[in-house]
């Protein structure tokens, strides 16, 4: 299954991109990096520049119809920039409209708030998003990983890089269920 990893052109927390990317590949999926600009995405290790990664597709040319699932890595600047990009927000929302699974970690749920898809859902995130999520109608919990199966699609969320192992296990299991790909292949 093709999995869209959506980031802004800079500011993504590197480990929140690379660990889930590798987990998706290890589970037999094909991750694709979708960004707001062509070229390369500048990742960060907290506030320090890290590696760059090649963009596979620009969000303005992407369609959720081509992907089986969505992953939203965090980083402080990344989701803040994404939520200001109308095409990125529409692309993210289209996964919910299509009933496809979505996974988001750390500050990633900021884009979900902007897409107005957290109402009636239980999710977790970096703690500073708690009020934003509650104000958008979501139920915020402080848990390592939260799997919310409220319609129209399953939402898997985690709080921080220390939760990556649980996050990757949860989203790869859910993506396997939705695609029929055996997890851990």
Protein backbone atom coordinates (compact mmCIF):
# COMPACT_ATOMS: atom_id res chain seq x y z
CA UNK A 1 0.00 0.00 0.00
CA UNK A 2 1.20 3.52 -0.76
CA UNK A 3 1.38 5.64 2.37
CA UNK A 4 1.50 9.44 2.19
CA UNK A 5 3.87 11.09 4.66
CA UNK A 6 2.93 14.77 4.62
CA UNK A 7 5.31 17.48 5.81
CA UNK A 8 6.03 21.14 5.23
CA UNK A 9 9.24 21.97 3.36
CA UNK A 10 11.08 22.39 6.67
CA UNK A 11 10.68 21.83 10.38
CA UNK A 12 9.75 18.14 10.57
CA UNK A 13 11.27 16.30 13.53
CA UNK A 14 13.63 13.88 11.76
CA UNK A 15 13.08 10.83 13.98
CA UNK A 16 9.30 11.27 13.68
CA UNK A 17 9.72 10.98 9.92
CA UNK A 18 12.44 8.33 9.66
CA UNK A 19 11.26 5.83 12.28
CA UNK A 20 7.65 5.61 11.00
CA UNK A 21 8.97 5.58 7.40
CA UNK A 22 11.15 2.57 8.17
CA UNK A 23 8.32 0.87 10.06
CA UNK A 24 6.04 1.31 7.05
CA UNK A 25 8.69 -0.15 4.73
CA UNK A 26 9.37 -3.04 7.11
CA UNK A 27 5.63 -3.82 7.11
CA UNK A 28 5.61 -4.09 3.30
CA UNK A 29 4.20 -0.66 2.48
CA UNK A 30 5.61 2.00 0.16
CA UNK A 31 5.98 5.39 1.85
CA UNK A 32 5.97 8.56 -0.26
CA UNK A 33 7.07 12.01 0.94
CA UNK A 34 4.47 14.63 0.09
CA UNK A 35 5.34 18.26 0.80
CA UNK A 36 4.20 21.80 0.17
CA UNK A 37 7.14 22.49 -2.15
CA UNK A 38 9.21 20.40 -4.59
CA UNK A 39 12.85 19.59 -3.91
CA UNK A 40 13.94 18.49 -0.46
CA UNK A 41 12.45 18.67 3.03
CA UNK A 42 14.73 20.04 5.75
CA UNK A 43 14.36 17.93 8.88
CA UNK A 44 15.38 18.98 12.39
CA UNK A 45 16.62 17.35 15.57
CA UNK A 46 14.54 19.51 17.88
CA UNK A 47 15.84 23.02 16.99
CA UNK A 48 18.97 21.99 15.08
CA UNK A 49 19.04 21.33 11.34
CA UNK A 50 19.42 17.65 10.50
CA UNK A 51 19.20 15.81 7.16
CA UNK A 52 17.22 16.64 4.05
CA UNK A 53 14.88 14.24 2.27
CA UNK A 54 13.69 14.22 -1.36
CA UNK A 55 10.08 15.13 -2.02
CA UNK A 56 8.20 12.52 -4.05
CA UNK A 57 5.15 14.66 -4.76
CA UNK A 58 3.86 18.17 -4.09
CA UNK A 59 0.67 18.26 -2.04
CA UNK A 60 -1.10 20.43 -4.65
CA UNK A 61 -0.71 17.56 -7.14
CA UNK A 62 -1.53 14.73 -4.72
CA UNK A 63 -4.82 12.92 -4.25
CA UNK A 64 -5.88 10.74 -1.33
CA UNK A 65 -7.32 8.37 -3.95
CA UNK A 66 -3.74 7.30 -4.75
CA UNK A 67 -2.86 6.41 -1.14
CA UNK A 68 -4.11 3.87 1.35
CA UNK A 69 -3.16 5.77 4.50
CA UNK A 70 -1.60 8.97 5.84
CA UNK A 71 1.17 9.66 8.37
CA UNK A 72 1.69 13.12 9.87
CA UNK A 73 5.07 13.49 11.59
CA UNK A 74 5.52 16.28 14.10
CA UNK A 75 8.14 18.84 14.88
CA UNK A 76 7.09 22.25 16.12
CA UNK A 77 7.44 24.23 12.88
CA UNK A 78 6.26 21.50 10.49
CA UNK A 79 2.56 21.24 11.46
CA UNK A 80 2.37 24.97 12.10
CA UNK A 81 3.39 25.60 8.48
CA UNK A 82 1.15 22.80 7.17
CA UNK A 83 -1.95 24.16 8.86
CA UNK A 84 -1.43 27.46 7.04
CA UNK A 85 -1.39 25.72 3.64
CA UNK A 86 -4.99 25.29 2.41
CA UNK A 87 -4.08 22.56 -0.08
CA UNK A 88 -2.24 20.56 2.58
CA UNK A 89 -5.19 20.86 4.97
CA UNK A 90 -7.62 19.80 2.22
CA UNK A 91 -5.40 16.83 1.31
CA UNK A 92 -5.26 15.73 4.96
CA UNK A 93 -9.02 16.12 5.39
CA UNK A 94 -9.65 14.06 2.26
CA UNK A 95 -8.25 10.96 4.01
CA UNK A 96 -10.94 11.31 6.66
CA UNK A 97 -13.62 11.93 4.02
CA UNK A 98 -12.51 8.70 2.29
CA UNK A 99 -12.44 6.70 5.54
CA UNK A 100 -8.73 5.94 5.28
CA UNK A 101 -6.53 5.47 8.38
CA UNK A 102 -4.43 8.38 9.61
CA UNK A 103 -1.50 8.36 12.05
CA UNK A 104 -0.10 11.51 13.68
CA UNK A 105 2.53 12.12 16.34
CA UNK A 106 3.65 14.93 18.64
CA UNK A 107 2.62 18.34 17.18
CA UNK A 108 1.16 16.67 14.06
CA UNK A 109 -2.45 16.91 15.34
CA UNK A 110 -2.35 20.68 14.85
CA UNK A 111 -3.11 19.99 11.20
CA UNK A 112 -6.02 17.76 12.26
CA UNK A 113 -7.45 20.64 14.31
CA UNK A 114 -7.16 22.90 11.27
CA UNK A 115 -8.84 20.27 9.07
CA UNK A 116 -11.72 20.12 11.60
CA UNK A 117 -11.50 16.34 12.01
CA UNK A 118 -10.95 15.93 15.76
CA UNK A 119 -14.52 16.63 16.91
CA UNK A 120 -15.87 13.59 18.75
CA UNK A 121 -12.52 11.76 18.67
CA UNK A 122 -10.13 10.72 21.41
CA UNK A 123 -6.49 11.45 20.68
CA UNK A 124 -3.15 12.30 22.22
CA UNK A 125 -0.37 14.66 21.19
CA UNK A 126 2.43 16.76 22.59
CA UNK A 127 0.83 18.14 25.80
CA UNK A 128 0.81 21.78 24.64
CA UNK A 129 -1.85 20.88 22.02
CA UNK A 130 -4.29 19.67 24.69
CA UNK A 131 -6.32 22.90 24.79
CA UNK A 132 -6.37 23.25 20.98
CA UNK A 133 -7.69 19.70 20.62
CA UNK A 134 -10.33 20.19 23.33
CA UNK A 135 -11.41 23.52 21.82
CA UNK A 136 -11.84 21.73 18.48
CA UNK A 137 -14.18 19.19 20.08
CA UNK A 138 -11.72 16.36 20.66
CA UNK A 139 -11.04 14.44 23.85
CA UNK A 140 -7.32 14.70 24.70
CA UNK A 141 -5.68 11.92 26.72
CA UNK A 142 -2.13 11.61 28.05
CA UNK A 143 -1.25 8.15 26.73
CA UNK A 144 1.67 6.68 24.82
CA UNK A 145 -0.56 5.78 21.89
CA UNK A 146 -4.25 6.26 21.26
CA UNK A 147 -6.23 4.42 18.59
CA UNK A 148 -9.60 6.05 17.93
CA UNK A 149 -11.93 4.14 15.65
CA UNK A 150 -14.69 6.72 15.55
CA UNK A 151 -16.13 7.14 12.06
CA UNK A 152 -15.23 7.91 9.38
CA UNK A 153 -11.67 6.61 9.75
CA UNK A 154 -9.26 5.22 12.31
CA UNK A 155 -6.92 7.77 13.89
CA UNK A 156 -3.69 6.67 15.59
CA UNK A 157 -1.87 9.29 17.67
CA UNK A 158 1.14 9.47 19.99
CA UNK A 159 2.71 12.14 22.19
CA UNK A 160 6.44 12.33 21.47
CA UNK A 161 9.55 10.65 20.07
CA UNK A 162 9.82 8.42 23.16
CA UNK A 163 6.49 6.87 22.07
CA UNK A 164 7.70 5.97 18.56
CA UNK A 165 7.96 2.22 19.14
CA UNK A 166 4.33 1.99 20.32
CA UNK A 167 3.20 4.46 17.64
CA UNK A 168 4.83 2.50 14.81
CA UNK A 169 3.44 -0.81 16.10
CA UNK A 170 -0.08 0.63 16.35
CA UNK A 171 -0.20 2.30 12.94
CA UNK A 172 1.43 -0.59 11.06
CA UNK A 173 -1.08 -3.00 12.63
CA UNK A 174 -3.99 -0.75 11.63
CA UNK A 175 -2.63 -0.15 8.14
CA UNK A 176 -2.21 -3.94 7.72
CA UNK A 177 -5.86 -4.47 8.70
CA UNK A 178 -7.06 -1.86 6.25
CA UNK A 179 -4.88 -3.09 3.38
CA UNK A 180 -4.65 -6.81 3.99
CA UNK A 181 -0.82 -6.61 4.18
CA UNK A 182 0.61 -8.80 6.93
CA UNK A 183 2.20 -6.64 9.61
CA UNK A 184 5.91 -7.20 10.15
CA UNK A 185 6.53 -8.72 6.73
